[in-house]
Amino acid sequence: KRIEIEYLRKQISIVSQNIFLLDDSIYNNIVLGGQYTIEEVIEATRKAGIYDEIMEMEKGFETVLYEDGTNISAGQRKRIAIARAFLKDAPIMLLDEFSGNLDKEMANKILESLFDNSEKKMLIAITHEKDIVSKFEEVIQL
């Protein structure tokens, strides 16, 4: 009760099971109004394993997504959400079924990137994937 909600929101990055995307460019869907350099956005998309696919699109980061991203795959939507989390760089990252819609190889690559870039962060993963659970230091089973 003593923590201000705005402060708390800044401390947490969330990759939700249900991704929301705006009817806007990929770039704007990643930055969500934040003030970031293009270099920071590129780095976040590389960590999320989506950069190359964005660059293959005709308009790259300026490609317009339809509402809820119906013009890209579910895996691409998930990786855009993961790029958002990397970009925010909050001390706590909550991953709710982050590997859903990703093949095993991509999920492992992103998980490796999460661990490599989370030295002073808390990663909280909600998952049913035993392969992912086994990579975390502490597991709480509910």
C-alpha atoms as a PDB file:
ATOM      1  CA  LYS A   1       0.000   0.000   0.000  1.00  0.00           C
ATOM      2  CA  ARG A   2       2.942   2.321   0.569  1.00  0.00           C
ATOM      3  CA  ILE A   3       4.373   1.935  -2.930  1.00  0.00           C
ATOM      4  CA  GLU A   4       3.052   4.330  -5.548  1.00  0.00           C
ATOM      5  CA  ILE A   5       1.493   2.522  -8.485  1.00  0.00           C
ATOM      6  CA  GLU A   6       3.436   4.539 -11.087  1.00  0.00           C
ATOM      7  CA  TYR A   7       6.727   3.603  -9.427  1.00  0.00           C
ATOM      8  CA  LEU A   8       5.699  -0.049  -9.303  1.00  0.00           C
ATOM      9  CA  ARG A   9       4.695  -0.087 -12.988  1.00  0.00           C
ATOM     10  CA  LYS A  10       8.128   1.215 -13.958  1.00  0.00           C
ATOM     11  CA  GLN A  11       9.775  -1.660 -12.095  1.00  0.00           C
ATOM     12  CA  ILE A  12       8.039  -4.457 -14.018  1.00  0.00           C
ATOM     13  CA  SER A  13       8.134  -5.583 -17.654  1.00  0.00           C
ATOM     14  CA  ILE A  14       5.363  -7.985 -18.580  1.00  0.00           C
ATOM     15  CA  VAL A  15       5.156 -10.406 -21.461  1.00  0.00           C
ATOM     16  CA  SER A  16       1.538 -11.422 -21.256  1.00  0.00           C
ATOM     17  CA  GLN A  17       0.008 -14.576 -22.601  1.00  0.00           C
ATOM     18  CA  ASN A  18      -2.401 -12.376 -24.566  1.00  0.00           C
ATOM     19  CA  ILE A  19      -0.469  -9.832 -26.631  1.00  0.00           C
ATOM     20  CA  PHE A  20      -2.016  -6.471 -27.442  1.00  0.00           C
ATOM     21  CA  LEU A  21      -0.919  -4.659 -30.556  1.00  0.00           C
ATOM     22  CA  LEU A  22      -2.071  -1.338 -31.934  1.00  0.00           C
ATOM     23  CA  ASP A  23      -3.116  -0.525 -35.482  1.00  0.00           C
ATOM     24  CA  ASP A  24       0.233   1.213 -35.980  1.00  0.00           C
ATOM     25  CA  SER A  25       3.822   0.609 -37.104  1.00  0.00           C
ATOM     26  CA  ILE A  26       5.953  -2.164 -35.654  1.00  0.00           C
ATOM     27  CA  TYR A  27       8.262   0.525 -34.265  1.00  0.00           C
ATOM     28  CA  ASN A  28       5.421   2.273 -32.411  1.00  0.00           C
ATOM     29  CA  ASN A  29       4.123  -1.064 -31.159  1.00  0.00           C
ATOM     30  CA  ILE A  30       7.505  -1.775 -29.609  1.00  0.00           C
ATOM     31  CA  VAL A  31       8.253   1.630 -28.048  1.00  0.00           C
ATOM     32  CA  LEU A  32       4.656   2.283 -26.922  1.00  0.00           C
ATOM     33  CA  GLY A  33       5.258   5.999 -26.613  1.00  0.00           C
ATOM     34  CA  GLY A  34       8.568   5.676 -24.773  1.00  0.00           C
ATOM     35  CA  GLN A  35      11.609   7.695 -25.761  1.00  0.00           C
ATOM     36  CA  TYR A  36      14.122   5.226 -27.202  1.00  0.00           C
ATOM     37  CA  THR A  37      16.760   5.440 -29.897  1.00  0.00           C
ATOM     38  CA  ILE A  38      16.515   3.296 -33.003  1.00  0.00           C
ATOM     39  CA  GLU A  39      19.700   1.547 -31.843  1.00  0.00           C
ATOM     40  CA  GLU A  40      17.965   0.542 -28.595  1.00  0.00           C
ATOM     41  CA  VAL A  41      14.966  -0.756 -30.535  1.00  0.00           C
ATOM     42  CA  ILE A  42      17.205  -2.727 -32.898  1.00  0.00           C
ATOM     43  CA  GLU A  43      19.071  -4.281 -29.965  1.00  0.00           C
ATOM     44  CA  ALA A  44      15.805  -5.238 -28.227  1.00  0.00           C
ATOM     45  CA  THR A  45      14.441  -6.841 -31.399  1.00  0.00           C
ATOM     46  CA  ARG A  46      17.677  -8.768 -31.891  1.00  0.00           C
ATOM     47  CA  LYS A  47      17.485 -10.129 -28.333  1.00  0.00           C
ATOM     48  CA  ALA A  48      13.865 -11.110 -28.996  1.00  0.00           C
ATOM     49  CA  GLY A  49      14.782 -12.912 -32.223  1.00  0.00           C
ATOM     50  CA  ILE A  50      12.502 -10.777 -34.431  1.00  0.00           C
ATOM     51  CA  TYR A  51      14.895  -8.240 -35.988  1.00  0.00           C
ATOM     52  CA  ASP A  52      15.716 -10.199 -39.167  1.00  0.00           C
ATOM     53  CA  GLU A  53      12.045 -10.869 -39.878  1.00  0.00           C
ATOM     54  CA  ILE A  54      11.188  -7.190 -39.439  1.00  0.00           C
ATOM     55  CA  MET A  55      13.971  -6.238 -41.857  1.00  0.00           C
ATOM     56  CA  GLU A  56      12.612  -8.701 -44.433  1.00  0.00           C
ATOM     57  CA  MET A  57       9.262  -6.884 -44.426  1.00  0.00           C
ATOM     58  CA  GLU A  58       8.816  -4.332 -47.195  1.00  0.00           C
ATOM     59  CA  LYS A  59       8.706  -1.340 -44.829  1.00  0.00           C
ATOM     60  CA  GLY A  60      10.799  -2.760 -41.965  1.00  0.00           C
ATOM     61  CA  PHE A  61       9.997  -1.054 -38.666  1.00  0.00           C
ATOM     62  CA  GLU A  62       7.451   1.168 -40.450  1.00  0.00           C
ATOM     63  CA  THR A  63       5.343  -1.852 -41.449  1.00  0.00           C
ATOM     64  CA  VAL A  64       1.842  -1.173 -40.153  1.00  0.00           C
ATOM     65  CA  LEU A  65       0.287  -3.887 -38.037  1.00  0.00           C
ATOM     66  CA  TYR A  66      -3.435  -4.412 -38.051  1.00  0.00           C
ATOM     67  CA  GLU A  67      -5.240  -4.205 -34.753  1.00  0.00           C
ATOM     68  CA  ASP A  68      -4.089  -7.159 -32.627  1.00  0.00           C
ATOM     69  CA  GLY A  69      -1.405  -7.924 -35.240  1.00  0.00           C
ATOM     70  CA  THR A  70      -3.570 -10.153 -37.401  1.00  0.00           C
ATOM     71  CA  ASN A  71      -1.241  -9.584 -40.374  1.00  0.00           C
ATOM     72  CA  ILE A  72       1.728 -11.267 -38.656  1.00  0.00           C
ATOM     73  CA  SER A  73       2.130 -14.691 -37.065  1.00  0.00           C
ATOM     74  CA  ALA A  74       1.387 -15.443 -33.425  1.00  0.00           C
ATOM     75  CA  GLY A  75       5.101 -16.110 -32.861  1.00  0.00           C
ATOM     76  CA  GLN A  76       6.004 -12.724 -34.325  1.00  0.00           C
ATOM     77  CA  ARG A  77       3.437 -11.024 -32.075  1.00  0.00           C
ATOM     78  CA  LYS A  78       4.957 -12.763 -29.052  1.00  0.00           C
ATOM     79  CA  ARG A  79       8.490 -11.698 -30.012  1.00  0.00           C
ATOM     80  CA  ILE A  80       7.387  -8.085 -30.464  1.00  0.00           C
ATOM     81  CA  ALA A  81       6.048  -8.227 -26.896  1.00  0.00           C
ATOM     82  CA  ILE A  82       9.348  -9.720 -25.723  1.00  0.00           C
ATOM     83  CA  ALA A  83      11.227  -6.919 -27.522  1.00  0.00           C
ATOM     84  CA  ARG A  84       9.089  -4.413 -25.576  1.00  0.00           C
ATOM     85  CA  ALA A  85      10.157  -6.052 -22.328  1.00  0.00           C
ATOM     86  CA  PHE A  86      13.827  -5.988 -23.305  1.00  0.00           C
ATOM     87  CA  LEU A  87      13.510  -2.336 -24.297  1.00  0.00           C
ATOM     88  CA  LYS A  88      11.855  -1.299 -21.028  1.00  0.00           C
ATOM     89  CA  ASP A  89      14.741  -2.946 -19.162  1.00  0.00           C
ATOM     90  CA  ALA A  90      12.865  -3.056 -15.849  1.00  0.00           C
ATOM     91  CA  PRO A  91      14.397  -4.812 -12.830  1.00  0.00           C
ATOM     92  CA  ILE A  92      11.537  -7.345 -12.727  1.00  0.00           C
ATOM     93  CA  MET A  93      10.387  -9.253 -15.792  1.00  0.00           C
ATOM     94  CA  LEU A  94       7.189 -11.276 -15.630  1.00  0.00           C
ATOM     95  CA  LEU A  95       6.869 -13.859 -18.406  1.00  0.00           C
ATOM     96  CA  ASP A  96       3.409 -15.404 -18.683  1.00  0.00           C
ATOM     97  CA  GLU A  97       3.718 -18.393 -21.038  1.00  0.00           C
ATOM     98  CA  PHE A  98       6.320 -16.434 -23.028  1.00  0.00           C
ATOM     99  CA  SER A  99       7.199 -19.481 -25.127  1.00  0.00           C
ATOM    100  CA  GLY A 100       3.659 -19.977 -26.417  1.00  0.00           C
ATOM    101  CA  ASN A 101       3.576 -19.817 -30.238  1.00  0.00           C
ATOM    102  CA  LEU A 102       7.373 -20.140 -30.426  1.00  0.00           C
ATOM    103  CA  ASP A 103       9.216 -23.217 -31.610  1.00  0.00           C
ATOM    104  CA  LYS A 104      11.514 -24.849 -29.081  1.00  0.00           C
ATOM    105  CA  GLU A 105      14.704 -23.506 -30.686  1.00  0.00           C
ATOM    106  CA  MET A 106      13.464 -19.894 -30.681  1.00  0.00           C
ATOM    107  CA  ALA A 107      12.131 -20.196 -27.114  1.00  0.00           C
ATOM    108  CA  ASN A 108      15.532 -21.460 -25.943  1.00  0.00           C
ATOM    109  CA  LYS A 109      17.371 -18.703 -27.823  1.00  0.00           C
ATOM    110  CA  ILE A 110      15.172 -16.036 -26.218  1.00  0.00           C
ATOM    111  CA  LEU A 111      15.493 -17.643 -22.785  1.00  0.00           C
ATOM    112  CA  GLU A 112      19.280 -17.627 -23.175  1.00  0.00           C
ATOM    113  CA  SER A 113      19.110 -13.949 -24.125  1.00  0.00           C
ATOM    114  CA  LEU A 114      16.909 -13.250 -21.095  1.00  0.00           C
ATOM    115  CA  PHE A 115      19.395 -14.925 -18.775  1.00  0.00           C
ATOM    116  CA  ASP A 116      22.372 -13.202 -20.431  1.00  0.00           C
ATOM    117  CA  ASN A 117      20.744  -9.798 -19.957  1.00  0.00           C
ATOM    118  CA  SER A 118      19.281 -10.244 -16.498  1.00  0.00           C
ATOM    119  CA  GLU A 119      22.280 -10.232 -14.194  1.00  0.00           C
ATOM    120  CA  LYS A 120      20.617  -7.838 -11.743  1.00  0.00           C
ATOM    121  CA  LYS A 121      17.036  -8.642 -12.617  1.00  0.00           C
ATOM    122  CA  MET A 122      14.349 -10.908 -11.305  1.00  0.00           C
ATOM    123  CA  LEU A 123      12.795 -13.138 -13.952  1.00  0.00           C
ATOM    124  CA  ILE A 124       9.449 -14.666 -13.067  1.00  0.00           C
ATOM    125  CA  ALA A 125       8.133 -17.219 -15.534  1.00  0.00           C
ATOM    126  CA  ILE A 126       4.685 -18.724 -15.520  1.00  0.00           C
ATOM    127  CA  THR A 127       4.797 -21.816 -17.701  1.00  0.00           C
ATOM    128  CA  HIS A 128       3.756 -25.397 -18.205  1.00  0.00           C
ATOM    129  CA  GLU A 129       6.910 -26.143 -20.213  1.00  0.00           C
ATOM    130  CA  LYS A 130       9.172 -28.489 -18.229  1.00  0.00           C
ATOM    131  CA  ASP A 131      12.184 -27.562 -20.383  1.00  0.00           C
ATOM    132  CA  ILE A 132      11.809 -23.924 -19.368  1.00  0.00           C
ATOM    133  CA  VAL A 133      11.092 -24.665 -15.710  1.00  0.00           C
ATOM    134  CA  SER A 134      14.296 -26.702 -15.459  1.00  0.00           C
ATOM    135  CA  LYS A 135      16.413 -23.669 -16.404  1.00  0.00           C
ATOM    136  CA  PHE A 136      15.328 -21.512 -13.477  1.00  0.00           C
ATOM    137  CA  GLU A 137      17.090 -21.494 -10.104  1.00  0.00           C
ATOM    138  CA  GLU A 138      13.949 -21.617  -8.026  1.00  0.00           C
ATOM    139  CA  VAL A 139      10.638 -23.206  -8.932  1.00  0.00           C
ATOM    140  CA  ILE A 140       7.354 -22.757  -7.116  1.00  0.00           C
ATOM    141  CA  GLN A 141       4.737 -25.231  -8.176  1.00  0.00           C
ATOM    142  CA  LEU A 142       1.133 -24.243  -7.703  1.00  0.00           C
END
